[in-house]
């Protein structure tokens, strides 16, 4: 794979892990493990929101929560896998 293809693949992989961390943190907040009153927790939430909301927000207009569960991260992760597959085929 060329340098550009490898770089794009790496960026998508990093974004995948950012989404996984954001989902895990949201679950920890929902179960009361992380206190959002803590300034460090608020900083982490703000950072994760700044990284994920630009991608999640447009998709949330079309995909409502199912049973109170936001499935937007699942759709974005599937999209990342598709993009990585396309990049691997194009740049190989």
C-alpha atoms as a PDB file:
ATOM      1  CA  UNK A   1       0.000   0.000   0.000  1.00  0.00           C
ATOM      2  CA  UNK A   2       1.293   3.455  -0.796  1.00  0.00           C
ATOM      3  CA  UNK A   3       2.126   6.086   1.783  1.00  0.00           C
ATOM      4  CA  UNK A   4      -1.137   7.957   1.239  1.00  0.00           C
ATOM      5  CA  UNK A   5      -3.159   4.764   1.557  1.00  0.00           C
ATOM      6  CA  UNK A   6      -1.321   3.778   4.716  1.00  0.00           C
ATOM      7  CA  UNK A   7      -1.841   7.232   6.202  1.00  0.00           C
ATOM      8  CA  UNK A   8      -5.569   7.216   5.423  1.00  0.00           C
ATOM      9  CA  UNK A   9      -5.895   3.722   6.875  1.00  0.00           C
ATOM     10  CA  UNK A  10      -4.067   4.835  10.034  1.00  0.00           C
ATOM     11  CA  UNK A  11      -6.268   7.932  10.459  1.00  0.00           C
ATOM     12  CA  UNK A  12      -9.412   5.820  10.129  1.00  0.00           C
ATOM     13  CA  UNK A  13      -8.020   3.324  12.645  1.00  0.00           C
ATOM     14  CA  UNK A  14      -7.318   6.100  15.168  1.00  0.00           C
ATOM     15  CA  UNK A  15     -10.825   7.516  14.672  1.00  0.00           C
ATOM     16  CA  UNK A  16     -12.263   4.019  15.203  1.00  0.00           C
ATOM     17  CA  UNK A  17     -10.565   3.855  18.610  1.00  0.00           C
ATOM     18  CA  UNK A  18     -11.728   7.361  19.503  1.00  0.00           C
ATOM     19  CA  UNK A  19     -15.299   6.219  18.861  1.00  0.00           C
ATOM     20  CA  UNK A  20     -14.788   3.081  20.977  1.00  0.00           C
ATOM     21  CA  UNK A  21     -13.437   5.173  23.873  1.00  0.00           C
ATOM     22  CA  UNK A  22     -16.331   7.626  23.549  1.00  0.00           C
ATOM     23  CA  UNK A  23     -18.878   4.811  23.694  1.00  0.00           C
ATOM     24  CA  UNK A  24     -17.156   3.186  26.679  1.00  0.00           C
ATOM     25  CA  UNK A  25     -17.018   6.500  28.557  1.00  0.00           C
ATOM     26  CA  UNK A  26     -20.694   7.164  27.855  1.00  0.00           C
ATOM     27  CA  UNK A  27     -21.561   3.751  29.309  1.00  0.00           C
ATOM     28  CA  UNK A  28     -19.405   4.402  32.369  1.00  0.00           C
ATOM     29  CA  UNK A  29     -21.226   7.689  32.896  1.00  0.00           C
ATOM     30  CA  UNK A  30     -24.619   6.009  32.465  1.00  0.00           C
ATOM     31  CA  UNK A  31     -23.741   3.396  35.100  1.00  0.00           C
ATOM     32  CA  UNK A  32     -22.378   6.005  37.499  1.00  0.00           C
ATOM     33  CA  UNK A  33     -18.762   4.872  37.385  1.00  0.00           C
ATOM     34  CA  UNK A  34     -17.524   8.232  36.098  1.00  0.00           C
ATOM     35  CA  UNK A  35     -18.706  11.381  37.841  1.00  0.00           C
ATOM     36  CA  UNK A  36     -19.293  14.209  35.361  1.00  0.00           C
ATOM     37  CA  UNK A  37     -18.803  16.703  38.185  1.00  0.00           C
ATOM     38  CA  UNK A  38     -15.095  15.919  38.085  1.00  0.00           C
ATOM     39  CA  UNK A  39     -13.240  18.540  35.980  1.00  0.00           C
ATOM     40  CA  UNK A  40     -10.946  15.930  34.435  1.00  0.00           C
ATOM     41  CA  UNK A  41     -13.936  13.842  33.379  1.00  0.00           C
ATOM     42  CA  UNK A  42     -15.578  16.930  31.868  1.00  0.00           C
ATOM     43  CA  UNK A  43     -12.373  17.682  29.933  1.00  0.00           C
ATOM     44  CA  UNK A  44     -12.288  14.126  28.593  1.00  0.00           C
ATOM     45  CA  UNK A  45     -15.953  14.327  27.595  1.00  0.00           C
ATOM     46  CA  UNK A  46     -15.408  17.662  25.880  1.00  0.00           C
ATOM     47  CA  UNK A  47     -12.442  16.316  23.937  1.00  0.00           C
ATOM     48  CA  UNK A  48     -14.320  13.208  22.837  1.00  0.00           C
ATOM     49  CA  UNK A  49     -17.390  15.242  21.875  1.00  0.00           C
ATOM     50  CA  UNK A  50     -15.288  17.620  19.782  1.00  0.00           C
ATOM     51  CA  UNK A  51     -13.801  14.640  17.968  1.00  0.00           C
ATOM     52  CA  UNK A  52     -17.014  12.694  17.355  1.00  0.00           C
ATOM     53  CA  UNK A  53     -19.921  15.152  17.168  1.00  0.00           C
ATOM     54  CA  UNK A  54     -19.057  16.585  13.724  1.00  0.00           C
ATOM     55  CA  UNK A  55     -19.547  13.089  12.303  1.00  0.00           C
ATOM     56  CA  UNK A  56     -22.372  11.904  14.577  1.00  0.00           C
ATOM     57  CA  UNK A  57     -24.608  14.978  14.428  1.00  0.00           C
ATOM     58  CA  UNK A  58     -25.527  14.892  10.701  1.00  0.00           C
ATOM     59  CA  UNK A  59     -26.230  11.158  10.886  1.00  0.00           C
ATOM     60  CA  UNK A  60     -28.403  11.522  13.998  1.00  0.00           C
ATOM     61  CA  UNK A  61     -30.859  13.593  11.931  1.00  0.00           C
ATOM     62  CA  UNK A  62     -31.686  10.474   9.914  1.00  0.00           C
ATOM     63  CA  UNK A  63     -31.127   7.663  12.439  1.00  0.00           C
ATOM     64  CA  UNK A  64     -33.226   7.985  15.584  1.00  0.00           C
ATOM     65  CA  UNK A  65     -32.293   6.095  18.766  1.00  0.00           C
ATOM     66  CA  UNK A  66     -33.694   2.585  18.853  1.00  0.00           C
ATOM     67  CA  UNK A  67     -35.113   1.734  22.270  1.00  0.00           C
ATOM     68  CA  UNK A  68     -33.172   4.615  23.790  1.00  0.00           C
ATOM     69  CA  UNK A  69     -29.874   3.352  22.359  1.00  0.00           C
ATOM     70  CA  UNK A  70     -27.946   5.547  19.935  1.00  0.00           C
ATOM     71  CA  UNK A  71     -26.759   3.334  17.083  1.00  0.00           C
ATOM     72  CA  UNK A  72     -24.898   6.127  15.290  1.00  0.00           C
ATOM     73  CA  UNK A  73     -21.454   4.906  16.475  1.00  0.00           C
ATOM     74  CA  UNK A  74     -22.173   1.447  15.052  1.00  0.00           C
ATOM     75  CA  UNK A  75     -23.050   2.925  11.666  1.00  0.00           C
ATOM     76  CA  UNK A  76     -19.930   5.108  11.669  1.00  0.00           C
ATOM     77  CA  UNK A  77     -17.739   2.124  12.618  1.00  0.00           C
ATOM     78  CA  UNK A  78     -19.215   0.080   9.764  1.00  0.00           C
ATOM     79  CA  UNK A  79     -18.519   3.018   7.455  1.00  0.00           C
ATOM     80  CA  UNK A  80     -14.922   3.136   8.673  1.00  0.00           C
ATOM     81  CA  UNK A  81     -14.481  -0.566   7.905  1.00  0.00           C
ATOM     82  CA  UNK A  82     -15.920  -0.057   4.414  1.00  0.00           C
ATOM     83  CA  UNK A  83     -13.618   2.921   3.786  1.00  0.00           C
ATOM     84  CA  UNK A  84     -10.588   0.965   5.000  1.00  0.00           C
ATOM     85  CA  UNK A  85     -11.494  -1.862   2.646  1.00  0.00           C
ATOM     86  CA  UNK A  86     -11.884   0.540  -0.281  1.00  0.00           C
ATOM     87  CA  UNK A  87      -8.569   2.227   0.548  1.00  0.00           C
ATOM     88  CA  UNK A  88      -6.818  -1.138   0.725  1.00  0.00           C
ATOM     89  CA  UNK A  89      -8.154  -2.105  -2.712  1.00  0.00           C
ATOM     90  CA  UNK A  90      -7.445   1.234  -4.368  1.00  0.00           C
ATOM     91  CA  UNK A  91      -3.933   1.713  -2.996  1.00  0.00           C
ATOM     92  CA  UNK A  92      -2.720  -1.890  -3.274  1.00  0.00           C
END
